[in-house]
Amino acid sequence: MEKIKFSREETKAIVGEIQDYFREELDQSIGAIPAEMLMQFFAERMGSYFYNRGLYDAQALVKKQVDNLTDEIFSLERPTNHLRS
């Protein structure tokens, strides 16, 4: 799997979220560099877990849509004397 990369704008937004979390939830401040290092840690070590979860969710959605499409196609079937095998 390719390394997870964020644009400069995405990195800035994520760093801001980390800083907000530390300030609001932990009543601590964290600088931009440590926040970016924490973001990189999570991207490198935990990113695959989140990425895989997204894939599993996408697979479930596609399967559901295919099942619905299959049901819709079968509903168009007209009666015949031929038995489907």
N, C-alpha and C. Protein backbone atom coordinates (compact mmCIF):
# COMPACT_ATOMS: atom_id res chain seq x y z
N MET A 1 0.84 -1.18 0.00
CA MET A 1 0.00 0.00 0.00
C MET A 1 0.89 1.24 0.00
N GLU A 2 0.45 2.21 -0.75
CA GLU A 2 1.19 3.46 -0.82
C GLU A 2 1.06 4.23 0.49
N LYS A 3 2.09 4.96 0.84
CA LYS A 3 2.08 5.78 2.03
C LYS A 3 0.97 6.84 1.93
N ILE A 4 0.27 7.07 3.03
CA ILE A 4 -0.79 8.07 3.06
C ILE A 4 -0.15 9.45 3.03
N LYS A 5 -0.57 10.26 2.06
CA LYS A 5 -0.02 11.61 1.93
C LYS A 5 -1.17 12.61 1.96
N PHE A 6 -0.94 13.71 2.62
CA PHE A 6 -1.93 14.78 2.69
C PHE A 6 -1.35 16.03 2.04
N SER A 7 -2.22 16.81 1.42
CA SER A 7 -1.77 18.08 0.86
C SER A 7 -1.40 19.02 2.01
N ARG A 8 -0.75 20.09 1.68
CA ARG A 8 -0.37 21.09 2.70
C ARG A 8 -1.63 21.63 3.38
N GLU A 9 -2.68 21.87 2.60
CA GLU A 9 -3.93 22.39 3.17
C GLU A 9 -4.58 21.37 4.11
N GLU A 10 -4.58 20.09 3.70
CA GLU A 10 -5.14 19.04 4.55
C GLU A 10 -4.33 18.91 5.84
N THR A 11 -3.00 18.93 5.70
CA THR A 11 -2.13 18.84 6.88
C THR A 11 -2.42 19.98 7.84
N LYS A 12 -2.53 21.18 7.32
CA LYS A 12 -2.81 22.34 8.16
C LYS A 12 -4.15 22.18 8.88
N ALA A 13 -5.17 21.69 8.18
CA ALA A 13 -6.48 21.48 8.79
C ALA A 13 -6.42 20.40 9.88
N ILE A 14 -5.72 19.30 9.60
CA ILE A 14 -5.61 18.21 10.58
C ILE A 14 -4.84 18.68 11.81
N VAL A 15 -3.75 19.39 11.60
CA VAL A 15 -2.96 19.91 12.72
C VAL A 15 -3.84 20.83 13.57
N GLY A 16 -4.64 21.66 12.94
CA GLY A 16 -5.55 22.53 13.67
C GLY A 16 -6.55 21.74 14.50
N GLU A 17 -7.06 20.65 13.93
CA GLU A 17 -8.01 19.78 14.67
C GLU A 17 -7.33 19.16 15.89
N ILE A 18 -6.10 18.71 15.72
CA ILE A 18 -5.35 18.12 16.84
C ILE A 18 -5.12 19.17 17.92
N GLN A 19 -4.72 20.35 17.51
CA GLN A 19 -4.50 21.42 18.49
C GLN A 19 -5.80 21.78 19.22
N ASP A 20 -6.90 21.85 18.48
CA ASP A 20 -8.20 22.13 19.11
C ASP A 20 -8.56 21.04 20.11
N TYR A 21 -8.33 19.78 19.74
CA TYR A 21 -8.65 18.66 20.63
C TYR A 21 -7.84 18.76 21.93
N PHE A 22 -6.56 18.97 21.80
CA PHE A 22 -5.72 19.08 22.99
C PHE A 22 -6.18 20.22 23.89
N ARG A 23 -6.52 21.34 23.29
CA ARG A 23 -6.94 22.51 24.06
C ARG A 23 -8.30 22.28 24.72
N GLU A 24 -9.27 21.77 23.96
CA GLU A 24 -10.63 21.64 24.45
C GLU A 24 -10.85 20.41 25.34
N GLU A 25 -10.25 19.30 24.99
CA GLU A 25 -10.51 18.05 25.71
C GLU A 25 -9.47 17.75 26.79
N LEU A 26 -8.24 18.17 26.57
CA LEU A 26 -7.17 17.84 27.51
C LEU A 26 -6.68 19.05 28.30
N ASP A 27 -7.21 20.22 27.95
CA ASP A 27 -6.82 21.47 28.61
C ASP A 27 -5.30 21.66 28.55
N GLN A 28 -4.72 21.33 27.38
CA GLN A 28 -3.29 21.48 27.15
C GLN A 28 -3.10 22.09 25.77
N SER A 29 -1.96 22.72 25.60
CA SER A 29 -1.65 23.24 24.27
C SER A 29 -0.59 22.34 23.64
N ILE A 30 -0.62 22.29 22.33
CA ILE A 30 0.36 21.52 21.59
C ILE A 30 0.76 22.37 20.38
N GLY A 31 2.02 22.44 20.11
CA GLY A 31 2.51 23.23 18.99
C GLY A 31 2.21 22.57 17.66
N ALA A 32 2.40 23.33 16.60
CA ALA A 32 2.12 22.82 15.26
C ALA A 32 3.03 21.66 14.88
N ILE A 33 4.30 21.74 15.24
CA ILE A 33 5.24 20.67 14.87
C ILE A 33 4.92 19.37 15.61
N PRO A 34 4.72 19.40 16.95
CA PRO A 34 4.33 18.15 17.61
C PRO A 34 2.99 17.61 17.11
N ALA A 35 2.05 18.50 16.80
CA ALA A 35 0.75 18.06 16.29
C ALA A 35 0.91 17.38 14.93
N GLU A 36 1.77 17.95 14.09
CA GLU A 36 2.02 17.33 12.78
C GLU A 36 2.73 16.00 12.94
N MET A 37 3.64 15.89 13.89
CA MET A 37 4.32 14.62 14.15
C MET A 37 3.32 13.57 14.62
N LEU A 38 2.37 13.98 15.47
CA LEU A 38 1.34 13.06 15.95
C LEU A 38 0.46 12.61 14.77
N MET A 39 0.11 13.55 13.90
CA MET A 39 -0.67 13.21 12.71
C MET A 39 0.08 12.20 11.84
N GLN A 40 1.38 12.43 11.63
CA GLN A 40 2.19 11.51 10.82
C GLN A 40 2.28 10.14 11.47
N PHE A 41 2.40 10.10 12.80
CA PHE A 41 2.42 8.83 13.52
C PHE A 41 1.15 8.05 13.24
N PHE A 42 0.00 8.72 13.42
CA PHE A 42 -1.27 8.04 13.19
C PHE A 42 -1.44 7.63 11.73
N ALA A 43 -1.01 8.47 10.81
CA ALA A 43 -1.12 8.12 9.39
C ALA A 43 -0.28 6.89 9.07
N GLU A 44 0.93 6.83 9.62
CA GLU A 44 1.83 5.71 9.33
C GLU A 44 1.43 4.43 10.06
N ARG A 45 1.06 4.55 11.33
CA ARG A 45 0.81 3.36 12.14
C ARG A 45 -0.65 2.94 12.19
N MET A 46 -1.56 3.88 12.12
CA MET A 46 -2.98 3.57 12.26
C MET A 46 -3.76 3.76 10.97
N GLY A 47 -3.16 4.45 10.01
CA GLY A 47 -3.86 4.77 8.78
C GLY A 47 -4.44 3.55 8.07
N SER A 48 -3.71 2.45 8.07
CA SER A 48 -4.18 1.24 7.38
C SER A 48 -5.47 0.72 8.00
N TYR A 49 -5.62 0.84 9.31
CA TYR A 49 -6.84 0.38 9.96
C TYR A 49 -8.05 1.19 9.47
N PHE A 50 -7.88 2.51 9.41
CA PHE A 50 -8.96 3.38 8.96
C PHE A 50 -9.22 3.17 7.46
N TYR A 51 -8.17 3.02 6.70
CA TYR A 51 -8.29 2.79 5.27
C TYR A 51 -9.05 1.49 5.01
N ASN A 52 -8.66 0.42 5.70
CA ASN A 52 -9.32 -0.87 5.52
C ASN A 52 -10.78 -0.80 5.94
N ARG A 53 -11.07 -0.10 7.02
CA ARG A 53 -12.47 0.05 7.45
C ARG A 53 -13.28 0.74 6.36
N GLY A 54 -12.70 1.74 5.73
CA GLY A 54 -13.38 2.41 4.61
C GLY A 54 -13.62 1.45 3.45
N LEU A 55 -12.65 0.59 3.16
CA LEU A 55 -12.83 -0.41 2.11
C LEU A 55 -13.94 -1.38 2.46
N TYR A 56 -13.97 -1.84 3.71
CA TYR A 56 -15.02 -2.78 4.13
C TYR A 56 -16.40 -2.14 4.01
N ASP A 57 -16.50 -0.88 4.41
CA ASP A 57 -17.77 -0.17 4.31
C ASP A 57 -18.18 0.00 2.85
N ALA A 58 -17.20 0.30 1.98
CA ALA A 58 -17.49 0.45 0.56
C ALA A 58 -17.93 -0.88 -0.05
N GLN A 59 -17.26 -1.97 0.34
CA GLN A 59 -17.65 -3.29 -0.15
C GLN A 59 -19.07 -3.63 0.26
N ALA A 60 -19.43 -3.34 1.49
CA ALA A 60 -20.78 -3.64 1.98
C ALA A 60 -21.81 -2.82 1.20
N LEU A 61 -21.51 -1.57 0.93
CA LEU A 61 -22.42 -0.71 0.17
C LEU A 61 -22.59 -1.24 -1.25
N VAL A 62 -21.48 -1.61 -1.90
CA VAL A 62 -21.56 -2.13 -3.27
C VAL A 62 -22.35 -3.43 -3.29
N LYS A 63 -22.10 -4.32 -2.33
CA LYS A 63 -22.83 -5.59 -2.26
C LYS A 63 -24.32 -5.34 -2.11
N LYS A 64 -24.69 -4.42 -1.24
CA LYS A 64 -26.11 -4.09 -1.03
C LYS A 64 -26.73 -3.57 -2.32
N GLN A 65 -26.01 -2.69 -3.02
CA GLN A 65 -26.52 -2.14 -4.27
C GLN A 65 -26.66 -3.22 -5.34
N VAL A 66 -25.69 -4.13 -5.42
CA VAL A 66 -25.76 -5.23 -6.39
C VAL A 66 -26.93 -6.14 -6.06
N ASP A 67 -27.13 -6.44 -4.78
CA ASP A 67 -28.27 -7.27 -4.37
C ASP A 67 -29.59 -6.60 -4.75
N ASN A 68 -29.68 -5.29 -4.52
CA ASN A 68 -30.89 -4.57 -4.89
C ASN A 68 -31.11 -4.58 -6.40
N LEU A 69 -30.02 -4.41 -7.15
CA LEU A 69 -30.11 -4.43 -8.61
C LEU A 69 -30.54 -5.81 -9.11
N THR A 70 -29.98 -6.85 -8.51
CA THR A 70 -30.36 -8.22 -8.87
C THR A 70 -31.84 -8.44 -8.62
N ASP A 71 -32.34 -7.99 -7.47
CA ASP A 71 -33.77 -8.12 -7.17
C ASP A 71 -34.62 -7.37 -8.18
N GLU A 72 -34.18 -6.17 -8.56
CA GLU A 72 -34.91 -5.38 -9.55
C GLU A 72 -34.94 -6.08 -10.91
N ILE A 73 -33.83 -6.67 -11.30
CA ILE A 73 -33.78 -7.39 -12.58
C ILE A 73 -34.71 -8.60 -12.54
N PHE A 74 -34.69 -9.36 -11.45
CA PHE A 74 -35.58 -10.52 -11.33
C PHE A 74 -37.04 -10.10 -11.34
N SER A 75 -37.35 -8.92 -10.83
CA SER A 75 -38.74 -8.47 -10.82
C SER A 75 -39.24 -8.17 -12.24
N LEU A 76 -38.34 -7.99 -13.18
CA LEU A 76 -38.73 -7.74 -14.58
C LEU A 76 -39.01 -9.03 -15.35
N GLU A 77 -38.61 -10.14 -14.76
CA GLU A 77 -38.75 -11.43 -15.43
C GLU A 77 -40.23 -11.74 -15.68
N ARG A 78 -40.50 -12.29 -16.85
CA ARG A 78 -41.87 -12.66 -17.20
C ARG A 78 -42.02 -14.18 -17.11
N PRO A 79 -43.20 -14.61 -16.77
CA PRO A 79 -43.41 -16.08 -16.60
C PRO A 79 -43.26 -16.82 -17.94
N THR A 80 -42.63 -17.98 -17.85
CA THR A 80 -42.48 -18.87 -19.00
C THR A 80 -42.65 -20.30 -18.52
N ASN A 81 -42.68 -21.23 -19.46
CA ASN A 81 -42.75 -22.65 -19.10
C ASN A 81 -41.36 -23.22 -18.81
N HIS A 82 -40.35 -22.43 -19.07
CA HIS A 82 -38.96 -22.86 -18.87
C HIS A 82 -38.58 -22.65 -17.40
N LEU A 83 -38.01 -23.67 -16.80
CA LEU A 83 -37.55 -23.54 -15.42
C LEU A 83 -36.10 -23.08 -15.45
N ARG A 84 -35.82 -22.07 -14.66
CA ARG A 84 -34.46 -21.53 -14.57
C ARG A 84 -33.59 -22.53 -13.81
N SER A 85 -32.36 -22.73 -14.29
CA SER A 85 -31.46 -23.66 -13.58
C SER A 85 -30.47 -22.91 -12.76
